[in-house]
Amino acid sequence: MSSKQIGIAAEDGRHFDAYLAAPATGKGPGVVLVMHIYGVDRDTQAMCDDLGRRGCVALAQNFFWRDHDSGVLAQGPEGGQRARARAGRIDFAQAMSDLKRSIAEVKCHPLCNGKIAVLGYCFGGAYVWRSACDGLIDAGVSFHGTFLSKSMKPGDLPRCPVSFHYGDKDELAPPKSSRPLRQ
């Protein structure tokens, strides 16, 4: 398994950072992780590394690179406040444009077999839904997906298998927030 920081060209020509892990040999599926609001921290990198050891090409991009507070934030009261603020400032359409470029980056990696999944954690749930409905991926999984209303359009239907996972007592993503996905 190998891992490294890479730069991906955004639509406007600037570059954003991403962490990429790939298997040592063989071809496997690509997995793009849309992390929680704290950024691409060591835990997110470890998830990419684990996927790389299991034969996947895994990538986690910095969704907050355009924000003035773009780095990895510490979990806790101060970091949480800053993280929620910047998540509220993100332009969903721009972030989706960046995600499309990340998906393309993984898909063309020489060790990717061309199949792509997006895993979304918390903040990432909306991006899983939009990617699935736009036909960008082959599978999507969301854990504790929040901000789903940002991604939904009338008549949406995913074009691939999608799985959303929620806890019964989740205050940030209560069961009623996933109701539109079940209708």
N, C-alpha and C. Protein backbone atom coordinates (compact mmCIF):
# COMPACT_ATOMS: atom_id res chain seq x y z
N MET A 1 0.85 -1.17 0.00
CA MET A 1 0.00 0.00 0.00
C MET A 1 0.90 1.23 0.00
N SER A 2 0.50 2.23 -0.78
CA SER A 2 1.21 3.51 -0.78
C SER A 2 0.20 4.62 -0.55
N SER A 3 0.66 5.70 0.05
CA SER A 3 -0.22 6.85 0.27
C SER A 3 0.58 8.13 0.09
N LYS A 4 -0.14 9.20 -0.28
CA LYS A 4 0.50 10.49 -0.48
C LYS A 4 -0.54 11.59 -0.57
N GLN A 5 -0.09 12.82 -0.37
CA GLN A 5 -0.92 14.00 -0.61
C GLN A 5 -0.80 14.34 -2.09
N ILE A 6 -1.91 14.66 -2.71
CA ILE A 6 -1.89 15.07 -4.12
C ILE A 6 -2.66 16.36 -4.27
N GLY A 7 -2.50 17.01 -5.39
CA GLY A 7 -3.28 18.19 -5.76
C GLY A 7 -4.18 17.84 -6.93
N ILE A 8 -5.41 18.31 -6.88
CA ILE A 8 -6.37 18.08 -7.96
C ILE A 8 -6.81 19.44 -8.48
N ALA A 9 -6.84 19.59 -9.79
CA ALA A 9 -7.23 20.86 -10.40
C ALA A 9 -8.73 21.08 -10.27
N ALA A 10 -9.10 22.22 -9.72
CA ALA A 10 -10.51 22.62 -9.64
C ALA A 10 -10.94 23.23 -10.96
N GLU A 11 -12.22 23.45 -11.10
CA GLU A 11 -12.78 24.02 -12.33
C GLU A 11 -12.16 25.38 -12.67
N ASP A 12 -11.80 26.16 -11.65
CA ASP A 12 -11.24 27.49 -11.88
C ASP A 12 -9.73 27.49 -12.09
N GLY A 13 -9.11 26.30 -12.15
CA GLY A 13 -7.68 26.21 -12.40
C GLY A 13 -6.82 26.14 -11.14
N ARG A 14 -7.38 26.51 -10.00
CA ARG A 14 -6.63 26.35 -8.75
C ARG A 14 -6.62 24.86 -8.38
N HIS A 15 -5.84 24.53 -7.37
CA HIS A 15 -5.73 23.13 -6.95
C HIS A 15 -6.17 22.96 -5.50
N PHE A 16 -6.77 21.82 -5.20
CA PHE A 16 -7.10 21.49 -3.82
C PHE A 16 -6.38 20.21 -3.44
N ASP A 17 -6.13 20.07 -2.14
CA ASP A 17 -5.41 18.93 -1.60
C ASP A 17 -6.33 17.73 -1.41
N ALA A 18 -5.72 16.56 -1.55
CA ALA A 18 -6.43 15.31 -1.28
C ALA A 18 -5.40 14.29 -0.80
N TYR A 19 -5.87 13.37 0.00
CA TYR A 19 -5.04 12.27 0.48
C TYR A 19 -5.42 11.03 -0.32
N LEU A 20 -4.44 10.36 -0.90
CA LEU A 20 -4.68 9.21 -1.78
C LEU A 20 -3.92 8.00 -1.26
N ALA A 21 -4.61 6.88 -1.12
CA ALA A 21 -3.99 5.61 -0.77
C ALA A 21 -4.35 4.59 -1.84
N ALA A 22 -3.38 3.76 -2.21
CA ALA A 22 -3.61 2.77 -3.26
C ALA A 22 -2.94 1.46 -2.88
N PRO A 23 -3.46 0.36 -3.43
CA PRO A 23 -2.85 -0.94 -3.14
C PRO A 23 -1.45 -1.02 -3.75
N ALA A 24 -0.65 -1.92 -3.24
CA ALA A 24 0.69 -2.11 -3.78
C ALA A 24 0.63 -2.74 -5.17
N THR A 25 -0.30 -3.66 -5.36
CA THR A 25 -0.44 -4.33 -6.65
C THR A 25 -1.91 -4.64 -6.90
N GLY A 26 -2.20 -4.98 -8.13
CA GLY A 26 -3.55 -5.39 -8.50
C GLY A 26 -4.48 -4.21 -8.68
N LYS A 27 -5.60 -4.47 -9.30
CA LYS A 27 -6.61 -3.44 -9.52
C LYS A 27 -7.79 -3.67 -8.60
N GLY A 28 -8.39 -2.57 -8.15
CA GLY A 28 -9.56 -2.67 -7.30
C GLY A 28 -10.46 -1.47 -7.50
N PRO A 29 -11.57 -1.44 -6.79
CA PRO A 29 -12.50 -0.32 -6.92
C PRO A 29 -11.92 0.96 -6.32
N GLY A 30 -12.47 2.06 -6.74
CA GLY A 30 -12.12 3.36 -6.17
C GLY A 30 -13.13 3.75 -5.12
N VAL A 31 -12.65 4.39 -4.06
CA VAL A 31 -13.52 4.86 -2.98
C VAL A 31 -13.14 6.31 -2.68
N VAL A 32 -14.12 7.19 -2.76
CA VAL A 32 -13.90 8.58 -2.38
C VAL A 32 -14.61 8.80 -1.05
N LEU A 33 -13.86 9.23 -0.04
CA LEU A 33 -14.42 9.49 1.28
C LEU A 33 -14.74 10.97 1.40
N VAL A 34 -15.96 11.27 1.78
CA VAL A 34 -16.34 12.65 2.08
C VAL A 34 -16.40 12.71 3.61
N MET A 35 -15.40 13.36 4.16
CA MET A 35 -15.19 13.31 5.60
C MET A 35 -16.19 14.15 6.37
N HIS A 36 -16.05 14.11 7.67
CA HIS A 36 -16.86 14.93 8.56
C HIS A 36 -16.37 16.38 8.50
N ILE A 37 -16.99 17.26 9.24
CA ILE A 37 -16.71 18.70 9.13
C ILE A 37 -15.37 19.13 9.72
N TYR A 38 -14.63 18.22 10.33
CA TYR A 38 -13.33 18.58 10.92
C TYR A 38 -12.20 18.52 9.91
N GLY A 39 -12.42 17.96 8.76
CA GLY A 39 -11.40 17.90 7.72
C GLY A 39 -10.78 16.53 7.57
N VAL A 40 -9.79 16.45 6.69
CA VAL A 40 -9.11 15.20 6.42
C VAL A 40 -8.06 14.99 7.51
N ASP A 41 -8.52 14.47 8.63
CA ASP A 41 -7.66 14.28 9.80
C ASP A 41 -6.98 12.91 9.74
N ARG A 42 -6.25 12.57 10.79
CA ARG A 42 -5.53 11.28 10.81
C ARG A 42 -6.48 10.10 10.73
N ASP A 43 -7.65 10.21 11.34
CA ASP A 43 -8.62 9.11 11.27
C ASP A 43 -9.07 8.88 9.83
N THR A 44 -9.34 9.97 9.11
CA THR A 44 -9.77 9.85 7.71
C THR A 44 -8.64 9.26 6.87
N GLN A 45 -7.42 9.72 7.10
CA GLN A 45 -6.27 9.16 6.38
C GLN A 45 -6.11 7.68 6.69
N ALA A 46 -6.32 7.30 7.96
CA ALA A 46 -6.21 5.88 8.34
C ALA A 46 -7.28 5.05 7.63
N MET A 47 -8.49 5.60 7.43
CA MET A 47 -9.53 4.88 6.69
C MET A 47 -9.09 4.67 5.25
N CYS A 48 -8.51 5.70 4.64
CA CYS A 48 -7.99 5.56 3.28
C CYS A 48 -6.90 4.50 3.22
N ASP A 49 -5.98 4.55 4.17
CA ASP A 49 -4.89 3.56 4.21
C ASP A 49 -5.44 2.14 4.34
N ASP A 50 -6.44 1.96 5.21
CA ASP A 50 -7.03 0.64 5.39
C ASP A 50 -7.67 0.16 4.09
N LEU A 51 -8.38 1.05 3.41
CA LEU A 51 -8.98 0.67 2.13
C LEU A 51 -7.90 0.34 1.10
N GLY A 52 -6.80 1.09 1.11
CA GLY A 52 -5.69 0.80 0.20
C GLY A 52 -5.10 -0.58 0.47
N ARG A 53 -4.93 -0.94 1.74
CA ARG A 53 -4.42 -2.27 2.09
C ARG A 53 -5.39 -3.37 1.66
N ARG A 54 -6.67 -3.03 1.57
CA ARG A 54 -7.69 -4.01 1.17
C ARG A 54 -7.91 -4.05 -0.35
N GLY A 55 -7.08 -3.31 -1.10
CA GLY A 55 -7.14 -3.39 -2.56
C GLY A 55 -7.91 -2.29 -3.25
N CYS A 56 -8.29 -1.24 -2.53
CA CYS A 56 -9.02 -0.12 -3.13
C CYS A 56 -8.09 1.07 -3.37
N VAL A 57 -8.45 1.88 -4.31
CA VAL A 57 -7.82 3.19 -4.48
C VAL A 57 -8.73 4.16 -3.73
N ALA A 58 -8.22 4.72 -2.64
CA ALA A 58 -9.07 5.55 -1.77
C ALA A 58 -8.54 6.98 -1.70
N LEU A 59 -9.48 7.92 -1.74
CA LEU A 59 -9.12 9.33 -1.75
C LEU A 59 -10.06 10.11 -0.83
N ALA A 60 -9.48 11.06 -0.10
CA ALA A 60 -10.27 12.00 0.72
C ALA A 60 -9.78 13.40 0.40
N GLN A 61 -10.65 14.22 -0.12
CA GLN A 61 -10.28 15.58 -0.51
C GLN A 61 -10.62 16.58 0.59
N ASN A 62 -9.95 17.71 0.57
CA ASN A 62 -10.28 18.80 1.49
C ASN A 62 -11.43 19.59 0.87
N PHE A 63 -12.61 19.41 1.40
CA PHE A 63 -13.78 20.13 0.89
C PHE A 63 -13.78 21.61 1.27
N PHE A 64 -12.96 21.99 2.23
CA PHE A 64 -13.00 23.35 2.77
C PHE A 64 -11.85 24.22 2.27
N TRP A 65 -11.18 23.84 1.21
CA TRP A 65 -9.99 24.54 0.75
C TRP A 65 -10.27 25.99 0.32
N ARG A 66 -11.46 26.31 -0.05
CA ARG A 66 -11.78 27.69 -0.44
C ARG A 66 -12.06 28.59 0.77
N ASP A 67 -12.30 28.00 1.92
CA ASP A 67 -12.66 28.75 3.12
C ASP A 67 -11.42 29.33 3.79
N HIS A 68 -11.59 30.47 4.46
CA HIS A 68 -10.46 31.07 5.17
C HIS A 68 -9.99 30.19 6.33
N ASP A 69 -10.84 29.30 6.81
CA ASP A 69 -10.52 28.38 7.91
C ASP A 69 -10.47 26.97 7.33
N SER A 70 -9.48 26.68 6.49
CA SER A 70 -9.51 25.50 5.63
C SER A 70 -8.83 24.26 6.18
N GLY A 71 -8.10 24.35 7.26
CA GLY A 71 -7.31 23.22 7.74
C GLY A 71 -8.10 22.22 8.56
N VAL A 72 -7.39 21.23 9.06
CA VAL A 72 -7.97 20.23 9.95
C VAL A 72 -8.23 20.90 11.29
N LEU A 73 -9.41 20.70 11.84
CA LEU A 73 -9.80 21.30 13.11
C LEU A 73 -9.88 20.24 14.20
N ALA A 74 -9.50 20.63 15.39
CA ALA A 74 -9.55 19.72 16.54
C ALA A 74 -11.00 19.49 16.95
N GLN A 75 -11.31 18.25 17.28
CA GLN A 75 -12.65 17.97 17.77
C GLN A 75 -12.76 18.46 19.20
N GLY A 76 -13.84 19.10 19.50
CA GLY A 76 -14.05 19.71 20.81
C GLY A 76 -14.90 20.95 20.64
N PRO A 77 -15.19 21.66 21.73
CA PRO A 77 -16.09 22.82 21.65
C PRO A 77 -15.63 23.90 20.65
N GLU A 78 -14.39 24.34 20.73
CA GLU A 78 -13.93 25.41 19.83
C GLU A 78 -13.85 24.92 18.38
N GLY A 79 -13.23 23.74 18.20
CA GLY A 79 -13.13 23.18 16.85
C GLY A 79 -14.50 22.88 16.26
N GLY A 80 -15.42 22.40 17.09
CA GLY A 80 -16.76 22.11 16.61
C GLY A 80 -17.49 23.35 16.15
N GLN A 81 -17.34 24.43 16.89
CA GLN A 81 -17.98 25.69 16.50
C GLN A 81 -17.42 26.19 15.18
N ARG A 82 -16.11 26.16 15.03
CA ARG A 82 -15.47 26.59 13.79
C ARG A 82 -15.87 25.68 12.62
N ALA A 83 -15.91 24.37 12.89
CA ALA A 83 -16.25 23.41 11.84
C ALA A 83 -17.69 23.58 11.35
N ARG A 84 -18.61 23.78 12.28
CA ARG A 84 -20.02 23.99 11.88
C ARG A 84 -20.16 25.29 11.09
N ALA A 85 -19.42 26.32 11.49
CA ALA A 85 -19.49 27.60 10.78
C ALA A 85 -19.01 27.45 9.34
N ARG A 86 -17.88 26.79 9.15
CA ARG A 86 -17.38 26.67 7.77
C ARG A 86 -18.23 25.72 6.95
N ALA A 87 -18.81 24.68 7.57
CA ALA A 87 -19.72 23.80 6.83
C ALA A 87 -20.93 24.59 6.34
N GLY A 88 -21.37 25.56 7.12
CA GLY A 88 -22.48 26.41 6.72
C GLY A 88 -22.12 27.38 5.60
N ARG A 89 -20.84 27.66 5.43
CA ARG A 89 -20.40 28.60 4.39
C ARG A 89 -20.10 27.92 3.06
N ILE A 90 -20.04 26.62 3.04
CA ILE A 90 -19.63 25.93 1.81
C ILE A 90 -20.68 26.11 0.72
N ASP A 91 -20.22 26.29 -0.48
CA ASP A 91 -21.08 26.37 -1.66
C ASP A 91 -21.24 24.94 -2.19
N PHE A 92 -22.44 24.39 -2.07
CA PHE A 92 -22.66 22.99 -2.42
C PHE A 92 -22.31 22.71 -3.88
N ALA A 93 -22.70 23.58 -4.78
CA ALA A 93 -22.43 23.36 -6.21
C ALA A 93 -20.93 23.33 -6.49
N GLN A 94 -20.18 24.24 -5.89
CA GLN A 94 -18.72 24.23 -6.07
C GLN A 94 -18.12 22.96 -5.49
N ALA A 95 -18.58 22.57 -4.32
CA ALA A 95 -18.05 21.37 -3.68
C ALA A 95 -18.37 20.13 -4.53
N MET A 96 -19.54 20.09 -5.14
CA MET A 96 -19.88 18.97 -6.03
C MET A 96 -18.97 18.97 -7.25
N SER A 97 -18.65 20.13 -7.77
CA SER A 97 -17.72 20.22 -8.90
C SER A 97 -16.37 19.64 -8.51
N ASP A 98 -15.91 19.97 -7.32
CA ASP A 98 -14.64 19.41 -6.84
C ASP A 98 -14.74 17.90 -6.66
N LEU A 99 -15.87 17.43 -6.13
CA LEU A 99 -16.05 16.00 -5.93
C LEU A 99 -16.03 15.27 -7.28
N LYS A 100 -16.65 15.83 -8.28
CA LYS A 100 -16.62 15.21 -9.61
C LYS A 100 -15.19 15.05 -10.10
N ARG A 101 -14.35 16.04 -9.82
CA ARG A 101 -12.95 15.97 -10.23
C ARG A 101 -12.19 14.92 -9.42
N SER A 102 -12.54 14.79 -8.15
CA SER A 102 -11.91 13.74 -7.32
C SER A 102 -12.32 12.35 -7.81
N ILE A 103 -13.59 12.20 -8.14
CA ILE A 103 -14.07 10.92 -8.67
C ILE A 103 -13.32 10.58 -9.97
N ALA A 104 -13.17 11.56 -10.85
CA ALA A 104 -12.44 11.35 -12.11
C ALA A 104 -10.98 11.00 -11.85
N GLU A 105 -10.37 11.65 -10.86
CA GLU A 105 -8.97 11.38 -10.50
C GLU A 105 -8.81 9.91 -10.07
N VAL A 106 -9.71 9.43 -9.23
CA VAL A 106 -9.63 8.05 -8.77
C VAL A 106 -9.93 7.09 -9.92
N LYS A 107 -10.94 7.42 -10.70
CA LYS A 107 -11.36 6.52 -11.79
C LYS A 107 -10.24 6.29 -12.80
N CYS A 108 -9.41 7.30 -13.04
CA CYS A 108 -8.34 7.15 -14.03
C CYS A 108 -7.02 6.66 -13.40
N HIS A 109 -7.00 6.41 -12.10
CA HIS A 109 -5.80 5.88 -11.46
C HIS A 109 -5.49 4.51 -12.06
N PRO A 110 -4.23 4.22 -12.35
CA PRO A 110 -3.90 2.95 -13.01
C PRO A 110 -4.28 1.69 -12.20
N LEU A 111 -4.47 1.82 -10.90
CA LEU A 111 -4.85 0.65 -10.10
C LEU A 111 -6.35 0.59 -9.80
N CYS A 112 -7.12 1.50 -10.37
CA CYS A 112 -8.58 1.48 -10.20
C CYS A 112 -9.21 0.69 -11.34
N ASN A 113 -10.15 -0.17 -10.99
CA ASN A 113 -10.83 -0.99 -12.00
C ASN A 113 -11.99 -0.25 -12.68
N GLY A 114 -12.17 1.02 -12.36
CA GLY A 114 -13.22 1.83 -13.00
C GLY A 114 -14.50 1.93 -12.21
N LYS A 115 -14.67 1.12 -11.19
CA LYS A 115 -15.85 1.18 -10.33
C LYS A 115 -15.56 2.15 -9.18
N ILE A 116 -16.55 3.00 -8.86
CA ILE A 116 -16.36 4.05 -7.84
C ILE A 116 -17.51 4.03 -6.84
N ALA A 117 -17.13 4.12 -5.57
CA ALA A 117 -18.10 4.30 -4.49
C ALA A 117 -17.75 5.59 -3.75
N VAL A 118 -18.76 6.24 -3.22
CA VAL A 118 -18.54 7.39 -2.34
C VAL A 118 -19.05 7.01 -0.96
N LEU A 119 -18.19 7.19 0.04
CA LEU A 119 -18.57 6.99 1.44
C LEU A 119 -18.66 8.36 2.08
N GLY A 120 -19.80 8.68 2.65
CA GLY A 120 -19.99 9.98 3.28
C GLY A 120 -20.20 9.85 4.78
N TYR A 121 -19.48 10.63 5.53
CA TYR A 121 -19.61 10.63 6.99
C TYR A 121 -20.18 11.97 7.41
N CYS A 122 -21.33 11.96 8.03
CA CYS A 122 -21.99 13.16 8.55
C CYS A 122 -22.20 14.17 7.42
N PHE A 123 -21.37 15.19 7.35
CA PHE A 123 -21.38 16.21 6.30
C PHE A 123 -21.43 15.57 4.91
N GLY A 124 -20.86 14.39 4.75
CA GLY A 124 -20.75 13.76 3.44
C GLY A 124 -22.01 13.11 2.91
N GLY A 125 -23.04 12.97 3.73
CA GLY A 125 -24.25 12.30 3.27
C GLY A 125 -24.90 12.97 2.07
N ALA A 126 -24.93 14.26 2.07
CA ALA A 126 -25.53 15.00 0.95
C ALA A 126 -24.79 14.75 -0.36
N TYR A 127 -23.49 14.57 -0.27
CA TYR A 127 -22.67 14.34 -1.46
C TYR A 127 -22.85 12.92 -1.99
N VAL A 128 -23.10 11.98 -1.10
CA VAL A 128 -23.41 10.62 -1.53
C VAL A 128 -24.70 10.64 -2.34
N TRP A 129 -25.72 11.29 -1.80
CA TRP A 129 -27.02 11.32 -2.48
C TRP A 129 -26.92 11.98 -3.86
N ARG A 130 -26.29 13.14 -3.93
CA ARG A 130 -26.20 13.85 -5.20
C ARG A 130 -25.39 13.05 -6.21
N SER A 131 -24.28 12.45 -5.77
CA SER A 131 -23.45 11.66 -6.68
C SER A 131 -24.22 10.47 -7.23
N ALA A 132 -25.02 9.83 -6.39
CA ALA A 132 -25.82 8.68 -6.82
C ALA A 132 -26.91 9.10 -7.80
N CYS A 133 -27.57 10.20 -7.51
CA CYS A 133 -28.66 10.67 -8.39
C CYS A 133 -28.14 11.21 -9.72
N ASP A 134 -26.93 11.75 -9.71
CA ASP A 134 -26.34 12.29 -10.94
C ASP A 134 -25.62 11.22 -11.76
N GLY A 135 -25.60 9.99 -11.29
CA GLY A 135 -24.98 8.90 -12.04
C GLY A 135 -23.46 8.95 -12.06
N LEU A 136 -22.86 9.52 -11.04
CA LEU A 136 -21.41 9.67 -11.01
C LEU A 136 -20.69 8.45 -10.43
N ILE A 137 -21.43 7.59 -9.71
CA ILE A 137 -20.80 6.51 -8.96
C ILE A 137 -21.54 5.19 -9.19
N ASP A 138 -20.91 4.12 -8.71
CA ASP A 138 -21.49 2.79 -8.83
C ASP A 138 -22.14 2.33 -7.53
N ALA A 139 -21.83 3.01 -6.42
CA ALA A 139 -22.42 2.71 -5.12
C ALA A 139 -22.15 3.87 -4.18
N GLY A 140 -23.04 4.03 -3.19
CA GLY A 140 -22.85 5.09 -2.20
C GLY A 140 -23.29 4.62 -0.83
N VAL A 141 -22.54 5.04 0.19
CA VAL A 141 -22.88 4.70 1.57
C VAL A 141 -22.71 5.95 2.41
N SER A 142 -23.71 6.24 3.22
CA SER A 142 -23.67 7.39 4.11
C SER A 142 -23.88 6.92 5.54
N PHE A 143 -23.05 7.47 6.42
CA PHE A 143 -23.17 7.19 7.84
C PHE A 143 -23.52 8.49 8.55
N HIS A 144 -24.71 8.55 9.16
CA HIS A 144 -25.09 9.73 9.94
C HIS A 144 -25.12 10.98 9.04
N GLY A 145 -25.69 10.82 7.84
CA GLY A 145 -25.70 11.92 6.85
C GLY A 145 -26.53 13.11 7.29
N THR A 146 -25.92 14.29 7.22
CA THR A 146 -26.59 15.54 7.57
C THR A 146 -26.67 16.43 6.34
N PHE A 147 -27.39 17.52 6.45
CA PHE A 147 -27.52 18.53 5.38
C PHE A 147 -28.06 17.94 4.09
N LEU A 148 -28.89 16.88 4.17
CA LEU A 148 -29.38 16.22 2.96
C LEU A 148 -30.22 17.14 2.09
N SER A 149 -30.91 18.09 2.69
CA SER A 149 -31.77 18.97 1.90
C SER A 149 -30.96 19.78 0.90
N LYS A 150 -29.67 20.00 1.15
CA LYS A 150 -28.81 20.72 0.20
C LYS A 150 -28.67 19.97 -1.12
N SER A 151 -28.82 18.66 -1.06
CA SER A 151 -28.52 17.84 -2.23
C SER A 151 -29.75 17.35 -2.98
N MET A 152 -30.92 17.51 -2.41
CA MET A 152 -32.11 16.91 -3.00
C MET A 152 -32.79 17.81 -4.01
N LYS A 153 -33.23 17.18 -5.08
CA LYS A 153 -33.98 17.86 -6.13
C LYS A 153 -35.29 17.10 -6.33
N PRO A 154 -36.35 17.79 -6.75
CA PRO A 154 -37.62 17.09 -6.99
C PRO A 154 -37.44 15.95 -7.99
N GLY A 155 -38.02 14.82 -7.68
CA GLY A 155 -37.96 13.67 -8.58
C GLY A 155 -36.66 12.87 -8.52
N ASP A 156 -35.79 13.18 -7.58
CA ASP A 156 -34.52 12.46 -7.47
C ASP A 156 -34.72 10.95 -7.33
N LEU A 157 -33.93 10.22 -8.07
CA LEU A 157 -33.83 8.77 -7.91
C LEU A 157 -32.37 8.39 -8.10
N PRO A 158 -31.81 7.66 -7.15
CA PRO A 158 -30.42 7.24 -7.33
C PRO A 158 -30.29 6.26 -8.49
N ARG A 159 -29.19 6.34 -9.19
CA ARG A 159 -28.93 5.47 -10.34
C ARG A 159 -28.03 4.30 -9.98
N CYS A 160 -27.79 4.10 -8.70
CA CYS A 160 -26.95 3.01 -8.23
C CYS A 160 -27.42 2.63 -6.82
N PRO A 161 -26.95 1.52 -6.30
CA PRO A 161 -27.29 1.17 -4.91
C PRO A 161 -26.75 2.22 -3.94
N VAL A 162 -27.59 2.60 -2.98
CA VAL A 162 -27.20 3.58 -1.96
C VAL A 162 -27.71 3.07 -0.62
N SER A 163 -26.88 3.22 0.40
CA SER A 163 -27.25 2.79 1.74
C SER A 163 -26.98 3.92 2.72
N PHE A 164 -28.01 4.31 3.47
CA PHE A 164 -27.88 5.35 4.49
C PHE A 164 -28.06 4.71 5.85
N HIS A 165 -27.16 5.03 6.77
CA HIS A 165 -27.18 4.45 8.11
C HIS A 165 -27.34 5.56 9.15
N TYR A 166 -28.34 5.40 10.03
CA TYR A 166 -28.63 6.39 11.07
C TYR A 166 -28.85 5.69 12.40
N GLY A 167 -28.57 6.42 13.47
CA GLY A 167 -28.88 5.93 14.81
C GLY A 167 -30.24 6.44 15.24
N ASP A 168 -30.93 5.67 16.05
CA ASP A 168 -32.26 6.06 16.52
C ASP A 168 -32.25 7.31 17.40
N LYS A 169 -31.13 7.58 18.05
CA LYS A 169 -31.06 8.70 18.98
C LYS A 169 -30.01 9.72 18.57
N ASP A 170 -29.86 9.92 17.28
CA ASP A 170 -28.88 10.85 16.73
C ASP A 170 -29.48 12.25 16.71
N GLU A 171 -28.94 13.15 17.49
CA GLU A 171 -29.48 14.51 17.57
C GLU A 171 -29.15 15.34 16.33
N LEU A 172 -28.00 15.11 15.70
CA LEU A 172 -27.63 15.87 14.50
C LEU A 172 -28.36 15.40 13.25
N ALA A 173 -28.65 14.13 13.21
CA ALA A 173 -29.36 13.56 12.06
C ALA A 173 -30.46 12.64 12.60
N PRO A 174 -31.53 13.24 13.15
CA PRO A 174 -32.60 12.42 13.72
C PRO A 174 -33.31 11.62 12.63
N PRO A 175 -33.98 10.54 13.01
CA PRO A 175 -34.65 9.70 12.02
C PRO A 175 -35.55 10.48 11.06
N LYS A 176 -36.22 11.53 11.54
CA LYS A 176 -37.10 12.28 10.64
C LYS A 176 -36.33 12.97 9.51
N SER A 177 -35.03 13.24 9.69
CA SER A 177 -34.26 13.90 8.64
C SER A 177 -34.01 12.99 7.44
N SER A 178 -34.11 11.68 7.65
CA SER A 178 -33.91 10.74 6.54
C SER A 178 -35.21 10.34 5.88
N ARG A 179 -36.33 10.83 6.35
CA ARG A 179 -37.64 10.46 5.81
C ARG A 179 -37.74 10.66 4.30
N PRO A 180 -37.25 11.76 3.73
CA PRO A 180 -37.38 11.91 2.26
C PRO A 180 -36.67 10.81 1.46
N LEU A 181 -35.68 10.17 2.06
CA LEU A 181 -34.98 9.09 1.36
C LEU A 181 -35.81 7.84 1.27
N ARG A 182 -36.79 7.69 2.16
CA ARG A 182 -37.57 6.47 2.21
C ARG A 182 -38.89 6.59 1.45
N GLN A 183 -39.19 7.71 0.89
CA GLN A 183 -40.48 7.89 0.22
C GLN A 183 -40.39 7.62 -1.26
